Amino acid sequence: MIATPNWGSTGNGCAACHTGVNALTATGPATGSHALAGHAAACITCHAVGTTLTTAPSVGHADGNIDVANVGYPVDKVKGSAGASCSAASCHVSPVSTTLIATPNWGSTNNGCAACHTGANVITAAGPATGSHTNVAAHAVVCTTCHAAGTSATAVPSTGHADGNIDVANVGYPLNKTKGTAGASCSASLCHGSTSPVWGTTTNNDSCTKCHGTGTVAGTVTAANEYVVAPSDATATDKGKVSSLAKVGAHQTHLQLFNGLSLQGADAKARCTDCHGTLPTSGSHANGSSAPAFQGLAKTFNSGAGTYPTSYNSGSCSVYCHNPAGSTLNAANAGTGITPSWTNAAYLGDTLKTQANCGVCHKSPGDAGFTSTTVHTPDITLDCAGCHGHNGAAGGAVGKQHMDGIKWGSGNCDSCHGYQAGSWAAAPVINAEGKGAHESHITYLTTKRFGTTITLTPTSDQYASASTTWTNVCGICHDNGLALHKNGTVNVALSTNQAYVFGPTGTVATYNGLPGRLAANDKTCSNISCHYFTTPVWSTY
């Protein structure tokens, strides 16, 4: 019994009866299950009309009985007999069907998600085990990722959640969806790209193409077709197949090399990781973020000798691939579009090798302000492959392509060919006969000819310099004219120093041979003191 106030006291309203263990709280009397978060509503939600926390009770309420309406509880229940369950309460209906969830007994301590999500709706790491909650790995996230704030697998639900409706926010699902009507798709969900599977369905697609790219049966994605994992747009018809859709953009340009600028790397995964970082091994990466995590060629150049300061901002990226002149190379030669927009279909014109196209990433011969430490031909339309290994198109030897992170050309002495002893066998091939007997000559000249060891240093030696290194090694056979270096022709101008000439004064040492020919009797030298007799044929490795 509740202590009855003395006649004539001023106690009135709810507090006149609900004191002590029945003290009023925000959820009602502190007895039974009143204090559970799901019951944190006005008294009138469950009790008879005229009963609130702030108004005097109705005549019906004042009889001391428990007046509960519309929630499956016996109406006008005799006082002191509480303990039944609200088995028909609309709050307890399954959110994914019309089946009632077993209602916990009044007064039990069961709270939070497990109070409702039991049996077929049991809470798992991904939420209730219904629909697509557990059959899709990407859904194994906290409830609040998709559901309204205040809803989680560990915290008690919000008041809005307690109405039994499906509260889904920010993923393109109808808000406050009526209970028992689940089954729509999240068509606008950031996680699903432009297309969403129907809730509750499964797919046997490859793990990546379950959500994005071209739907491909599991196990059929190979190194040759990995471009299918990225979104594509059939309406993109320009040279690079760049889409105006932000989720598509230049994905296929990078993966399928439509613009013909590089064949670097046979495996498309390398082209994915350069921009996206380490690839995920499960679907849990679906968080709607498009911010890249640059690595590899995107930020490393010159065979790992330098790091480019990459950035991504408002749909544009700054990476080594689009500005090979940047960072510690030659910033003065930066191009006109070194931070391209992801959706810019007009970034390069369809006729690839033009002054304008090449100038987008870097200045080149013919551009105002172009600078170089070496002599260049005056026009980009001429041959570049002799030194740089590319002409603005696909092809070239492996490791010597348009964008490979190596500063070909006006870099080190061994950027285009071998230099010191031991480097020629694995040196880039400029022309088929270029390696020849270089190894033998360099070994002799650097260790025996002058009685002391000469050290070749490709990173600091300069072509046609007056240094002892150049004069006593390379300069014995090669000319010293900068204009003849890297012009596509092997220029040999044997030293006129009489010390290297075999014969009387006035005899001229001569090189006999034409570049590009591999005939067995070709490429010999005449009147060279080094050989004394018949000159051996310049050979290939």
Protein backbone atom coordinates (compact mmCIF):
# COMPACT_ATOMS: atom_id res chain seq x y z
CA MET A 1 0.00 0.00 0.00
CA ILE A 2 1.05 3.57 -0.64
CA ALA A 3 1.03 5.84 2.37
CA THR A 4 -2.11 7.97 2.20
CA PRO A 5 -1.56 11.67 2.72
CA ASN A 6 -3.40 13.31 5.58
CA TRP A 7 -6.70 14.90 4.83
CA GLY A 8 -6.16 18.51 4.09
CA SER A 9 -2.59 18.18 2.79
CA THR A 10 -1.61 19.92 -0.45
CA GLY A 11 -0.22 16.79 -2.16
CA ASN A 12 -1.93 16.44 -5.51
CA GLY A 13 -1.42 15.00 -8.98
CA CYS A 14 0.91 12.06 -9.65
CA ALA A 15 3.16 12.63 -6.64
CA ALA A 16 0.26 12.11 -4.30
CA CYS A 17 0.51 8.37 -4.99
CA HIS A 18 3.77 7.74 -6.83
CA THR A 19 6.34 8.14 -4.08
CA GLY A 20 9.12 5.93 -2.79
CA VAL A 21 9.65 2.98 -5.08
CA ASN A 22 6.83 4.41 -7.18
CA ALA A 23 8.56 7.77 -7.54
CA LEU A 24 7.94 9.48 -10.87
CA THR A 25 10.86 9.58 -13.29
CA ALA A 26 11.10 10.77 -16.87
CA THR A 27 9.60 7.44 -17.88
CA GLY A 28 6.97 7.17 -15.18
CA PRO A 29 6.97 5.34 -11.84
CA ALA A 30 10.28 3.68 -11.02
CA THR A 31 8.70 0.25 -10.87
CA GLY A 32 8.47 -2.68 -13.24
CA SER A 33 9.86 -1.82 -16.66
CA HIS A 34 8.93 1.84 -16.60
CA ALA A 35 12.56 2.91 -16.54
CA LEU A 36 13.55 0.96 -19.67
CA ALA A 37 14.59 3.30 -22.46
CA GLY A 38 11.97 2.02 -24.88
CA HIS A 39 9.27 3.17 -22.46
CA ALA A 40 10.65 6.68 -22.24
CA ALA A 41 7.44 8.22 -23.53
CA ALA A 42 4.52 10.19 -22.12
CA CYS A 43 2.32 8.14 -19.81
CA ILE A 44 -0.62 8.48 -22.17
CA THR A 45 1.28 6.43 -24.82
CA CYS A 46 0.31 3.29 -22.94
CA HIS A 47 -2.07 4.39 -20.22
CA ALA A 48 -5.64 5.51 -20.48
CA VAL A 49 -6.49 8.96 -21.76
CA GLY A 50 -6.20 11.70 -19.18
CA THR A 51 -3.04 10.30 -17.59
CA THR A 52 0.18 12.32 -17.95
CA LEU A 53 3.15 13.35 -15.86
CA THR A 54 1.84 16.87 -15.42
CA THR A 55 -1.93 16.69 -15.25
CA ALA A 56 -4.17 15.30 -12.56
CA PRO A 57 -5.26 11.74 -13.20
CA SER A 58 -8.55 10.92 -14.81
CA VAL A 59 -11.44 9.55 -12.77
CA GLY A 60 -10.74 6.08 -14.19
CA HIS A 61 -7.10 6.22 -13.15
CA ALA A 62 -7.97 7.32 -9.67
CA ASP A 63 -9.53 3.98 -8.82
CA GLY A 64 -5.98 2.65 -8.28
CA ASN A 65 -6.22 0.06 -11.02
CA ILE A 66 -3.71 -0.20 -13.89
CA ASP A 67 -5.35 1.29 -16.95
CA VAL A 68 -3.38 0.28 -20.06
CA ALA A 69 -4.82 0.78 -23.53
CA ASN A 70 -3.91 -0.31 -27.11
CA VAL A 71 -0.78 -2.30 -26.27
CA GLY A 72 -2.16 -5.78 -25.51
CA TYR A 73 -2.27 -5.39 -21.77
CA PRO A 74 -5.47 -6.18 -19.81
CA VAL A 75 -7.47 -3.02 -19.33
CA ASP A 76 -8.32 -1.96 -15.76
CA LYS A 77 -5.96 -4.52 -14.29
CA VAL A 78 -6.40 -5.02 -10.55
CA LYS A 79 -3.79 -3.19 -8.56
CA GLY A 80 -0.99 -5.28 -7.14
CA SER A 81 -1.20 -7.88 -9.91
CA ALA A 82 1.35 -6.46 -12.38
CA GLY A 83 3.74 -8.83 -14.07
CA ALA A 84 2.12 -9.87 -17.33
CA SER A 85 3.63 -9.11 -20.74
CA CYS A 86 2.37 -6.84 -23.51
CA SER A 87 2.25 -9.57 -26.11
CA ALA A 88 0.21 -7.59 -28.62
CA ALA A 89 1.96 -4.26 -28.16
CA SER A 90 2.61 -2.57 -31.49
CA CYS A 91 6.06 -1.55 -30.16
CA HIS A 92 7.07 -5.22 -30.14
CA VAL A 93 6.13 -6.17 -33.71
CA SER A 94 9.04 -7.42 -35.82
CA PRO A 95 10.46 -4.63 -38.02
CA VAL A 96 10.85 -7.04 -40.95
CA SER A 97 7.59 -9.01 -40.71
CA THR A 98 4.18 -8.96 -39.06
CA THR A 99 5.23 -11.62 -36.57
CA LEU A 100 5.10 -10.59 -32.93
CA ILE A 101 8.33 -10.75 -31.04
CA ALA A 102 8.10 -12.53 -27.71
CA THR A 103 7.57 -9.77 -25.18
CA PRO A 104 9.69 -9.90 -22.03
CA ASN A 105 7.84 -10.01 -18.75
CA TRP A 106 7.02 -6.72 -17.15
CA GLY A 107 9.67 -5.91 -14.64
CA SER A 108 12.46 -7.96 -16.26
CA THR A 109 15.82 -6.31 -16.72
CA ASN A 110 16.23 -7.21 -20.40
CA ASN A 111 17.01 -3.98 -22.19
CA GLY A 112 18.68 -2.62 -25.32
CA CYS A 113 18.54 -4.36 -28.69
CA ALA A 114 18.18 -7.89 -27.31
CA ALA A 115 14.87 -6.98 -25.71
CA CYS A 116 13.29 -7.06 -29.17
CA HIS A 117 15.80 -8.66 -31.52
CA THR A 118 15.64 -12.27 -30.39
CA GLY A 119 15.09 -15.55 -32.16
CA ALA A 120 15.05 -14.98 -35.92
CA ASN A 121 15.96 -11.36 -35.26
CA VAL A 122 18.88 -12.15 -32.99
CA ILE A 123 21.50 -9.41 -32.80
CA THR A 124 24.80 -10.24 -34.51
CA ALA A 125 27.86 -8.16 -35.22
CA ALA A 126 25.98 -6.84 -38.25
CA GLY A 127 22.58 -6.38 -36.64
CA PRO A 128 19.44 -8.53 -36.80
CA ALA A 129 19.98 -11.75 -38.75
CA THR A 130 17.32 -10.90 -41.30
CA GLY A 131 17.34 -9.53 -44.83
CA SER A 132 20.87 -8.61 -45.88
CA HIS A 133 22.13 -7.80 -42.40
CA THR A 134 24.41 -10.82 -42.26
CA ASN A 135 24.73 -12.15 -45.82
CA VAL A 136 26.72 -9.16 -47.01
CA ALA A 137 30.09 -8.54 -45.36
CA ALA A 138 29.88 -4.77 -45.90
CA HIS A 139 26.89 -4.62 -43.54
CA ALA A 140 28.97 -5.86 -40.62
CA VAL A 141 29.17 -2.37 -39.19
CA VAL A 142 27.65 -0.57 -36.25
CA CYS A 143 23.91 -0.03 -36.54
CA THR A 144 24.27 3.76 -36.65
CA THR A 145 26.05 3.56 -40.01
CA CYS A 146 22.65 3.11 -41.63
CA HIS A 147 20.10 3.53 -38.86
CA ALA A 148 19.04 6.66 -37.06
CA ALA A 149 21.17 8.21 -34.39
CA GLY A 150 20.79 6.58 -31.00
CA THR A 151 20.55 3.10 -32.50
CA SER A 152 23.43 0.71 -31.98
CA ALA A 153 24.11 -2.92 -31.17
CA THR A 154 25.07 -2.03 -27.60
CA ALA A 155 23.19 1.10 -26.62
CA VAL A 156 19.48 1.29 -25.89
CA PRO A 157 17.48 2.55 -28.87
CA SER A 158 16.24 6.07 -29.29
CA THR A 159 12.64 6.97 -28.64
CA GLY A 160 12.02 7.11 -32.40
CA HIS A 161 13.29 3.58 -32.80
CA ALA A 162 10.92 2.27 -30.17
CA ASP A 163 7.90 2.88 -32.40
CA GLY A 164 8.77 -0.35 -34.21
CA ASN A 165 9.35 1.36 -37.55
CA ILE A 166 12.55 1.04 -39.57
CA ASP A 167 14.53 4.22 -39.12
CA VAL A 168 17.21 4.39 -41.81
CA ALA A 169 19.19 7.54 -42.48
CA ASN A 170 21.66 8.78 -45.14
CA VAL A 171 21.67 5.70 -47.36
CA GLY A 172 18.78 6.36 -49.74
CA TYR A 173 16.24 4.26 -47.83
CA PRO A 174 12.74 5.60 -46.98
CA LEU A 175 12.86 7.25 -43.58
CA ASN A 176 10.68 5.79 -40.82
CA LYS A 177 9.61 2.89 -43.02
CA THR A 178 6.48 1.12 -41.75
CA LYS A 179 7.20 -2.09 -39.91
CA GLY A 180 6.70 -5.29 -41.83
CA THR A 181 7.38 -3.68 -45.23
CA ALA A 182 11.13 -4.14 -45.60
CA GLY A 183 12.50 -5.20 -48.98
CA ALA A 184 13.32 -2.00 -50.86
CA SER A 185 16.78 -1.18 -52.16
CA CYS A 186 19.13 1.56 -51.03
CA SER A 187 19.47 3.09 -54.47
CA ALA A 188 21.13 6.27 -53.29
CA SER A 189 23.47 4.63 -50.80
CA LEU A 190 27.06 5.80 -50.99
CA CYS A 191 28.09 2.22 -50.36
CA HIS A 192 26.45 0.88 -53.51
CA GLY A 193 27.58 3.27 -56.19
CA SER A 194 24.87 3.90 -58.80
CA THR A 195 23.02 0.59 -58.46
CA SER A 196 21.77 -1.23 -55.40
CA PRO A 197 20.72 -4.88 -55.03
CA VAL A 198 17.31 -5.56 -53.51
CA TRP A 199 17.40 -5.99 -49.76
CA GLY A 200 17.48 -9.64 -48.80
CA THR A 201 18.93 -10.93 -52.09
CA THR A 202 22.30 -12.57 -52.61
CA THR A 203 24.66 -12.53 -55.59
CA ASN A 204 27.42 -14.88 -56.73
CA ASN A 205 29.40 -12.04 -58.30
CA ASP A 206 33.07 -11.56 -57.62
CA SER A 207 33.63 -9.92 -54.23
CA CYS A 208 34.50 -6.55 -55.83
CA THR A 209 31.77 -6.55 -58.48
CA LYS A 210 29.06 -7.24 -55.93
CA CYS A 211 28.96 -3.49 -55.38
CA HIS A 212 30.80 -1.72 -58.19
CA GLY A 213 32.15 -2.21 -61.67
CA THR A 214 30.72 -4.74 -64.09
CA GLY A 215 28.93 -7.67 -62.48
CA THR A 216 31.29 -10.60 -62.98
CA VAL A 217 30.91 -14.15 -61.70
CA ALA A 218 33.22 -14.97 -58.81
CA GLY A 219 36.56 -16.39 -59.95
CA THR A 220 36.50 -14.86 -63.43
CA VAL A 221 38.37 -11.65 -62.65
CA THR A 222 41.96 -12.00 -63.86
CA ALA A 223 44.97 -9.74 -64.35
CA ALA A 224 43.83 -9.23 -67.93
CA ASN A 225 40.33 -8.01 -67.09
CA GLU A 226 40.68 -6.43 -63.66
CA TYR A 227 39.37 -3.19 -65.11
CA VAL A 228 35.86 -4.66 -64.62
CA VAL A 229 36.05 -3.95 -60.89
CA ALA A 230 35.95 -0.20 -61.51
CA PRO A 231 32.82 1.59 -62.71
CA SER A 232 32.51 2.38 -66.40
CA ASP A 233 30.30 4.60 -68.50
CA ALA A 234 29.28 3.53 -71.99
CA THR A 235 28.56 7.13 -72.95
CA ALA A 236 32.21 8.17 -72.47
CA THR A 237 33.46 8.34 -76.06
CA ASP A 238 36.52 10.60 -75.95
CA LYS A 239 40.09 9.41 -76.37
CA GLY A 240 40.46 8.54 -72.69
CA LYS A 241 36.88 7.33 -72.09
CA VAL A 242 36.47 9.83 -69.25
CA SER A 243 32.99 10.05 -67.76
CA SER A 244 31.31 13.16 -66.40
CA LEU A 245 29.95 10.97 -63.57
CA ALA A 246 32.10 11.51 -60.49
CA LYS A 247 31.91 7.83 -59.46
CA VAL A 248 33.26 6.81 -62.88
CA GLY A 249 35.50 9.66 -64.02
CA ALA A 250 38.83 8.49 -65.40
CA HIS A 251 38.81 4.98 -63.88
CA GLN A 252 38.87 3.18 -67.21
CA THR A 253 41.42 5.63 -68.63
CA HIS A 254 43.85 4.55 -65.96
CA LEU A 255 43.00 0.85 -66.00
CA GLN A 256 42.67 0.19 -69.74
CA LEU A 257 45.20 2.82 -70.85
CA PHE A 258 42.84 4.18 -73.48
CA ASN A 259 45.00 7.23 -74.11
CA GLY A 260 48.05 5.11 -74.98
CA LEU A 261 50.42 6.84 -72.61
CA SER A 262 51.79 3.87 -70.72
CA LEU A 263 51.87 0.10 -70.57
CA GLN A 264 53.65 0.13 -67.25
CA GLY A 265 52.76 -2.96 -65.23
CA ALA A 266 50.92 -5.94 -66.65
CA ASP A 267 48.73 -6.28 -63.56
CA ALA A 268 45.93 -3.75 -63.18
CA LYS A 269 46.14 -4.12 -59.38
CA ALA A 270 49.28 -1.97 -59.46
CA ARG A 271 47.34 0.77 -61.21
CA CYS A 272 44.61 0.49 -58.54
CA THR A 273 46.98 0.60 -55.58
CA ASP A 274 48.91 3.60 -56.94
CA CYS A 275 45.85 5.74 -56.22
CA HIS A 276 43.84 3.77 -53.67
CA GLY A 277 46.60 2.32 -51.53
CA THR A 278 46.44 -1.24 -50.22
CA LEU A 279 43.41 -2.99 -51.65
CA PRO A 280 40.82 -4.31 -49.17
CA THR A 281 40.32 -8.03 -48.74
CA SER A 282 36.67 -7.76 -47.65
CA GLY A 283 33.66 -5.59 -48.33
CA SER A 284 34.00 -3.66 -45.09
CA HIS A 285 35.75 -0.78 -46.91
CA ALA A 286 32.45 0.51 -48.31
CA ASN A 287 32.21 3.79 -46.46
CA GLY A 288 31.41 6.21 -49.26
CA SER A 289 34.83 7.88 -49.15
CA SER A 290 36.56 8.66 -52.43
CA ALA A 291 39.71 10.15 -50.96
CA PRO A 292 42.71 8.27 -52.42
CA ALA A 293 45.72 6.95 -50.54
CA PHE A 294 48.51 7.53 -53.06
CA GLN A 295 51.54 5.26 -53.24
CA GLY A 296 53.76 3.64 -55.88
CA LEU A 297 54.21 5.52 -59.14
CA ALA A 298 51.76 8.23 -58.06
CA LYS A 299 54.34 9.55 -55.59
CA THR A 300 57.67 7.84 -56.30
CA PHE A 301 59.97 8.74 -59.19
CA ASN A 302 63.47 8.14 -60.47
CA SER A 303 63.54 4.48 -59.39
CA GLY A 304 62.63 5.32 -55.81
CA ALA A 305 65.09 8.21 -55.45
CA GLY A 306 62.41 10.82 -54.86
CA THR A 307 58.98 11.29 -53.36
CA TYR A 308 56.36 13.53 -54.91
CA PRO A 309 54.05 15.47 -52.52
CA THR A 310 50.69 14.06 -53.60
CA SER A 311 47.30 15.59 -52.82
CA TYR A 312 43.62 15.22 -53.71
CA ASN A 313 41.23 18.13 -53.44
CA SER A 314 37.75 18.83 -54.82
CA GLY A 315 37.94 16.18 -57.52
CA SER A 316 41.45 17.02 -58.72
CA CYS A 317 44.67 15.16 -57.96
CA SER A 318 48.30 16.15 -57.86
CA VAL A 319 50.59 13.18 -58.52
CA TYR A 320 53.92 12.44 -60.17
CA CYS A 321 52.21 10.88 -63.21
CA HIS A 322 50.73 14.26 -64.18
CA ASN A 323 53.74 16.39 -63.35
CA PRO A 324 57.02 14.52 -63.95
CA ALA A 325 58.82 17.86 -63.87
CA GLY A 326 57.75 18.60 -60.32
CA SER A 327 59.36 18.16 -56.93
CA THR A 328 63.17 17.82 -57.08
CA LEU A 329 63.38 17.32 -60.87
CA ASN A 330 62.89 20.55 -62.84
CA ALA A 331 59.92 22.50 -61.56
CA ALA A 332 60.36 25.10 -64.29
CA ASN A 333 59.17 22.52 -66.83
CA ALA A 334 55.83 21.84 -65.13
CA GLY A 335 52.92 21.59 -67.56
CA THR A 336 49.72 23.56 -67.94
CA GLY A 337 47.39 20.96 -66.37
CA ILE A 338 49.33 19.22 -63.64
CA THR A 339 46.28 18.88 -61.34
CA PRO A 340 43.62 17.47 -63.68
CA SER A 341 39.97 17.17 -62.80
CA TRP A 342 38.82 13.58 -62.36
CA THR A 343 35.93 14.11 -64.82
CA ASN A 344 37.72 16.28 -67.41
CA ALA A 345 37.17 14.48 -70.71
CA ALA A 346 39.00 17.26 -72.59
CA TYR A 347 42.20 16.87 -70.59
CA LEU A 348 44.02 15.51 -73.67
CA GLY A 349 43.06 15.91 -77.30
CA ASP A 350 42.37 12.84 -79.41
CA THR A 351 45.51 13.37 -81.52
CA LEU A 352 47.93 12.43 -78.80
CA LYS A 353 51.38 13.68 -79.73
CA THR A 354 50.91 17.40 -80.13
CA GLN A 355 52.65 20.36 -78.56
CA ALA A 356 49.51 21.11 -76.51
CA ASN A 357 48.98 17.52 -75.30
CA CYS A 358 52.58 16.99 -74.23
CA GLY A 359 52.60 20.41 -72.58
CA VAL A 360 49.71 19.46 -70.29
CA CYS A 361 52.06 17.46 -68.04
CA HIS A 362 55.44 18.97 -68.87
CA LYS A 363 57.06 21.58 -71.06
CA SER A 364 58.86 20.10 -74.05
CA PRO A 365 61.04 21.38 -76.88
CA GLY A 366 59.07 24.10 -78.64
CA ASP A 367 57.33 25.37 -75.50
CA ALA A 368 58.14 28.83 -74.20
CA GLY A 369 60.22 28.56 -71.06
CA PHE A 370 61.39 24.98 -71.68
CA THR A 371 64.73 24.41 -69.98
CA SER A 372 67.20 21.54 -70.11
CA THR A 373 70.79 20.80 -69.26
CA THR A 374 71.22 19.12 -72.65
CA VAL A 375 70.66 20.07 -76.28
CA HIS A 376 67.22 19.07 -77.59
CA THR A 377 65.66 18.99 -81.01
CA PRO A 378 63.44 22.05 -81.42
CA ASP A 379 60.05 20.41 -81.93
CA ILE A 380 58.00 17.84 -80.02
CA THR A 381 56.79 16.28 -83.28
CA LEU A 382 60.24 14.83 -83.87
CA ASP A 383 61.49 11.55 -82.44
CA CYS A 384 61.79 11.43 -78.64
CA ALA A 385 62.26 7.69 -78.27
CA GLY A 386 66.00 7.76 -78.80
CA CYS A 387 66.47 9.12 -75.29
CA HIS A 388 63.16 8.99 -73.49
CA GLY A 389 61.86 5.62 -74.58
CA HIS A 390 58.49 6.95 -75.71
CA ASN A 391 56.84 9.08 -78.34
CA GLY A 392 53.62 9.81 -76.53
CA ALA A 393 52.12 6.43 -77.38
CA ALA A 394 51.95 2.91 -76.01
CA GLY A 395 54.93 0.61 -76.28
CA GLY A 396 58.60 0.60 -75.46
CA ALA A 397 60.74 -1.86 -73.56
CA VAL A 398 59.53 -2.92 -70.13
CA GLY A 399 60.72 -0.42 -67.53
CA LYS A 400 61.24 2.27 -70.16
CA GLN A 401 57.81 3.60 -70.96
CA HIS A 402 56.11 6.96 -70.85
CA MET A 403 55.27 7.08 -67.14
CA ASP A 404 57.46 4.69 -65.22
CA GLY A 405 59.00 6.88 -62.53
CA ILE A 406 62.43 6.96 -64.22
CA LYS A 407 63.91 10.21 -65.40
CA TRP A 408 65.00 9.10 -68.83
CA GLY A 409 67.00 11.44 -71.03
CA SER A 410 68.70 14.32 -69.29
CA GLY A 411 69.23 12.35 -66.13
CA ASN A 412 72.22 10.28 -65.11
CA CYS A 413 74.70 8.85 -67.57
CA ASP A 414 73.19 5.41 -67.13
CA SER A 415 69.58 6.53 -67.57
CA CYS A 416 69.73 5.61 -71.25
CA HIS A 417 72.66 3.22 -71.51
CA GLY A 418 75.25 1.39 -69.46
CA TYR A 419 78.16 3.43 -68.16
CA GLN A 420 80.56 1.95 -65.65
CA ALA A 421 81.90 -1.61 -65.90
CA GLY A 422 79.31 -4.17 -64.93
CA SER A 423 76.33 -2.09 -66.06
CA TRP A 424 76.10 -2.81 -69.77
CA ALA A 425 74.58 -6.28 -69.76
CA ALA A 426 71.42 -5.04 -68.07
CA ALA A 427 71.46 -1.57 -69.61
CA PRO A 428 68.49 -0.19 -71.56
CA VAL A 429 68.79 -0.92 -75.27
CA ILE A 430 69.00 2.26 -77.32
CA ASN A 431 69.92 0.44 -80.48
CA ALA A 432 70.61 -3.25 -81.05
CA GLU A 433 74.38 -3.01 -81.39
CA GLY A 434 74.88 -0.32 -78.74
CA LYS A 435 76.28 -2.54 -75.97
CA GLY A 436 78.90 -4.26 -78.04
CA ALA A 437 82.39 -4.29 -76.53
CA HIS A 438 81.84 -1.32 -74.21
CA GLU A 439 82.37 -3.51 -71.17
CA SER A 440 85.82 -4.63 -72.31
CA HIS A 441 86.97 -1.13 -73.24
CA ILE A 442 85.75 0.47 -70.00
CA THR A 443 87.32 -2.23 -67.85
CA TYR A 444 90.69 -1.72 -69.58
CA LEU A 445 90.62 2.07 -69.57
CA THR A 446 89.51 2.44 -65.95
CA THR A 447 91.88 -0.14 -64.43
CA LYS A 448 94.94 -0.66 -66.67
CA ARG A 449 95.56 2.03 -69.27
CA PHE A 450 96.68 4.80 -66.93
CA GLY A 451 98.21 2.82 -64.11
CA THR A 452 95.58 3.98 -61.70
CA THR A 453 91.92 3.23 -61.19
CA ILE A 454 89.46 5.69 -62.69
CA THR A 455 86.02 5.74 -61.06
CA LEU A 456 83.02 6.41 -63.24
CA THR A 457 80.13 8.08 -61.42
CA PRO A 458 77.01 8.24 -63.59
CA THR A 459 75.15 10.59 -61.25
CA SER A 460 77.77 13.35 -61.43
CA ASP A 461 79.85 12.81 -64.60
CA GLN A 462 78.91 15.12 -67.46
CA TYR A 463 78.94 14.38 -71.18
CA ALA A 464 81.88 15.91 -73.05
CA SER A 465 83.31 17.44 -69.89
CA ALA A 466 86.99 18.23 -69.55
CA SER A 467 87.32 15.99 -66.51
CA THR A 468 89.89 13.18 -66.39
CA THR A 469 87.04 10.69 -66.19
CA TRP A 470 85.47 11.78 -69.45
CA THR A 471 88.71 12.46 -71.33
CA ASN A 472 90.51 9.23 -70.40
CA VAL A 473 87.54 6.88 -70.77
CA CYS A 474 84.62 7.98 -72.92
CA GLY A 475 86.48 10.75 -74.75
CA ILE A 476 89.01 8.38 -76.30
CA CYS A 477 86.41 7.07 -78.74
CA HIS A 478 83.47 9.47 -78.61
CA ASP A 479 83.20 13.05 -79.83
CA ASN A 480 82.78 15.92 -77.43
CA GLY A 481 79.96 17.81 -79.15
CA LEU A 482 76.76 18.27 -77.14
CA ALA A 483 74.70 18.74 -80.30
CA LEU A 484 75.59 15.21 -81.41
CA HIS A 485 74.65 13.57 -78.13
CA LYS A 486 71.25 11.87 -78.06
CA ASN A 487 70.44 12.64 -81.67
CA GLY A 488 69.57 9.05 -82.58
CA THR A 489 72.95 8.31 -84.21
CA VAL A 490 75.97 6.62 -82.66
CA ASN A 491 78.75 9.16 -83.05
CA VAL A 492 82.29 7.87 -82.81
CA ALA A 493 85.13 10.32 -83.30
CA LEU A 494 88.34 8.56 -82.28
CA SER A 495 90.84 10.65 -80.39
CA THR A 496 93.43 12.40 -82.56
CA ASN A 497 95.96 12.07 -79.74
CA GLN A 498 98.95 10.34 -81.34
CA ALA A 499 99.22 8.12 -78.26
CA TYR A 500 96.21 6.19 -79.53
CA VAL A 501 97.19 6.09 -83.21
CA PHE A 502 99.14 3.16 -84.69
CA GLY A 503 101.31 4.46 -87.48
CA PRO A 504 103.60 7.34 -88.47
CA THR A 505 102.78 10.94 -87.67
CA GLY A 506 99.79 12.04 -89.68
CA THR A 507 98.10 8.67 -89.57
CA VAL A 508 94.41 9.00 -88.68
CA ALA A 509 92.59 6.53 -86.45
CA THR A 510 89.31 5.59 -88.07
CA TYR A 511 86.02 3.97 -87.03
CA ASN A 512 84.48 1.81 -89.72
CA GLY A 513 80.80 1.04 -89.36
CA LEU A 514 77.28 2.28 -89.71
CA PRO A 515 74.81 2.52 -86.83
CA GLY A 516 71.98 0.01 -86.89
CA ARG A 517 73.89 -2.68 -88.75
CA LEU A 518 74.83 -6.00 -87.21
CA ALA A 519 76.85 -7.53 -90.05
CA ALA A 520 79.65 -9.78 -88.78
CA ASN A 521 82.31 -7.83 -90.71
CA ASP A 522 81.03 -4.44 -89.71
CA LYS A 523 82.11 -1.99 -87.00
CA THR A 524 85.86 -2.15 -86.81
CA CYS A 525 88.56 0.42 -86.13
CA SER A 526 91.66 1.19 -88.20
CA ASN A 527 95.08 2.41 -87.06
CA ILE A 528 94.27 2.14 -83.34
CA SER A 529 97.31 1.59 -81.15
CA CYS A 530 95.21 -0.32 -78.63
CA HIS A 531 94.78 -3.17 -81.09
CA TYR A 532 98.09 -3.09 -82.97
CA PHE A 533 96.85 -5.63 -85.46
CA THR A 534 93.52 -6.63 -86.95
CA THR A 535 90.71 -4.99 -84.99
CA PRO A 536 88.17 -7.43 -83.55
CA VAL A 537 84.59 -6.94 -84.70
CA TRP A 538 82.38 -4.87 -82.43
CA SER A 539 80.01 -7.46 -81.07
CA THR A 540 76.68 -7.68 -79.29
CA TYR A 541 75.90 -9.27 -75.94
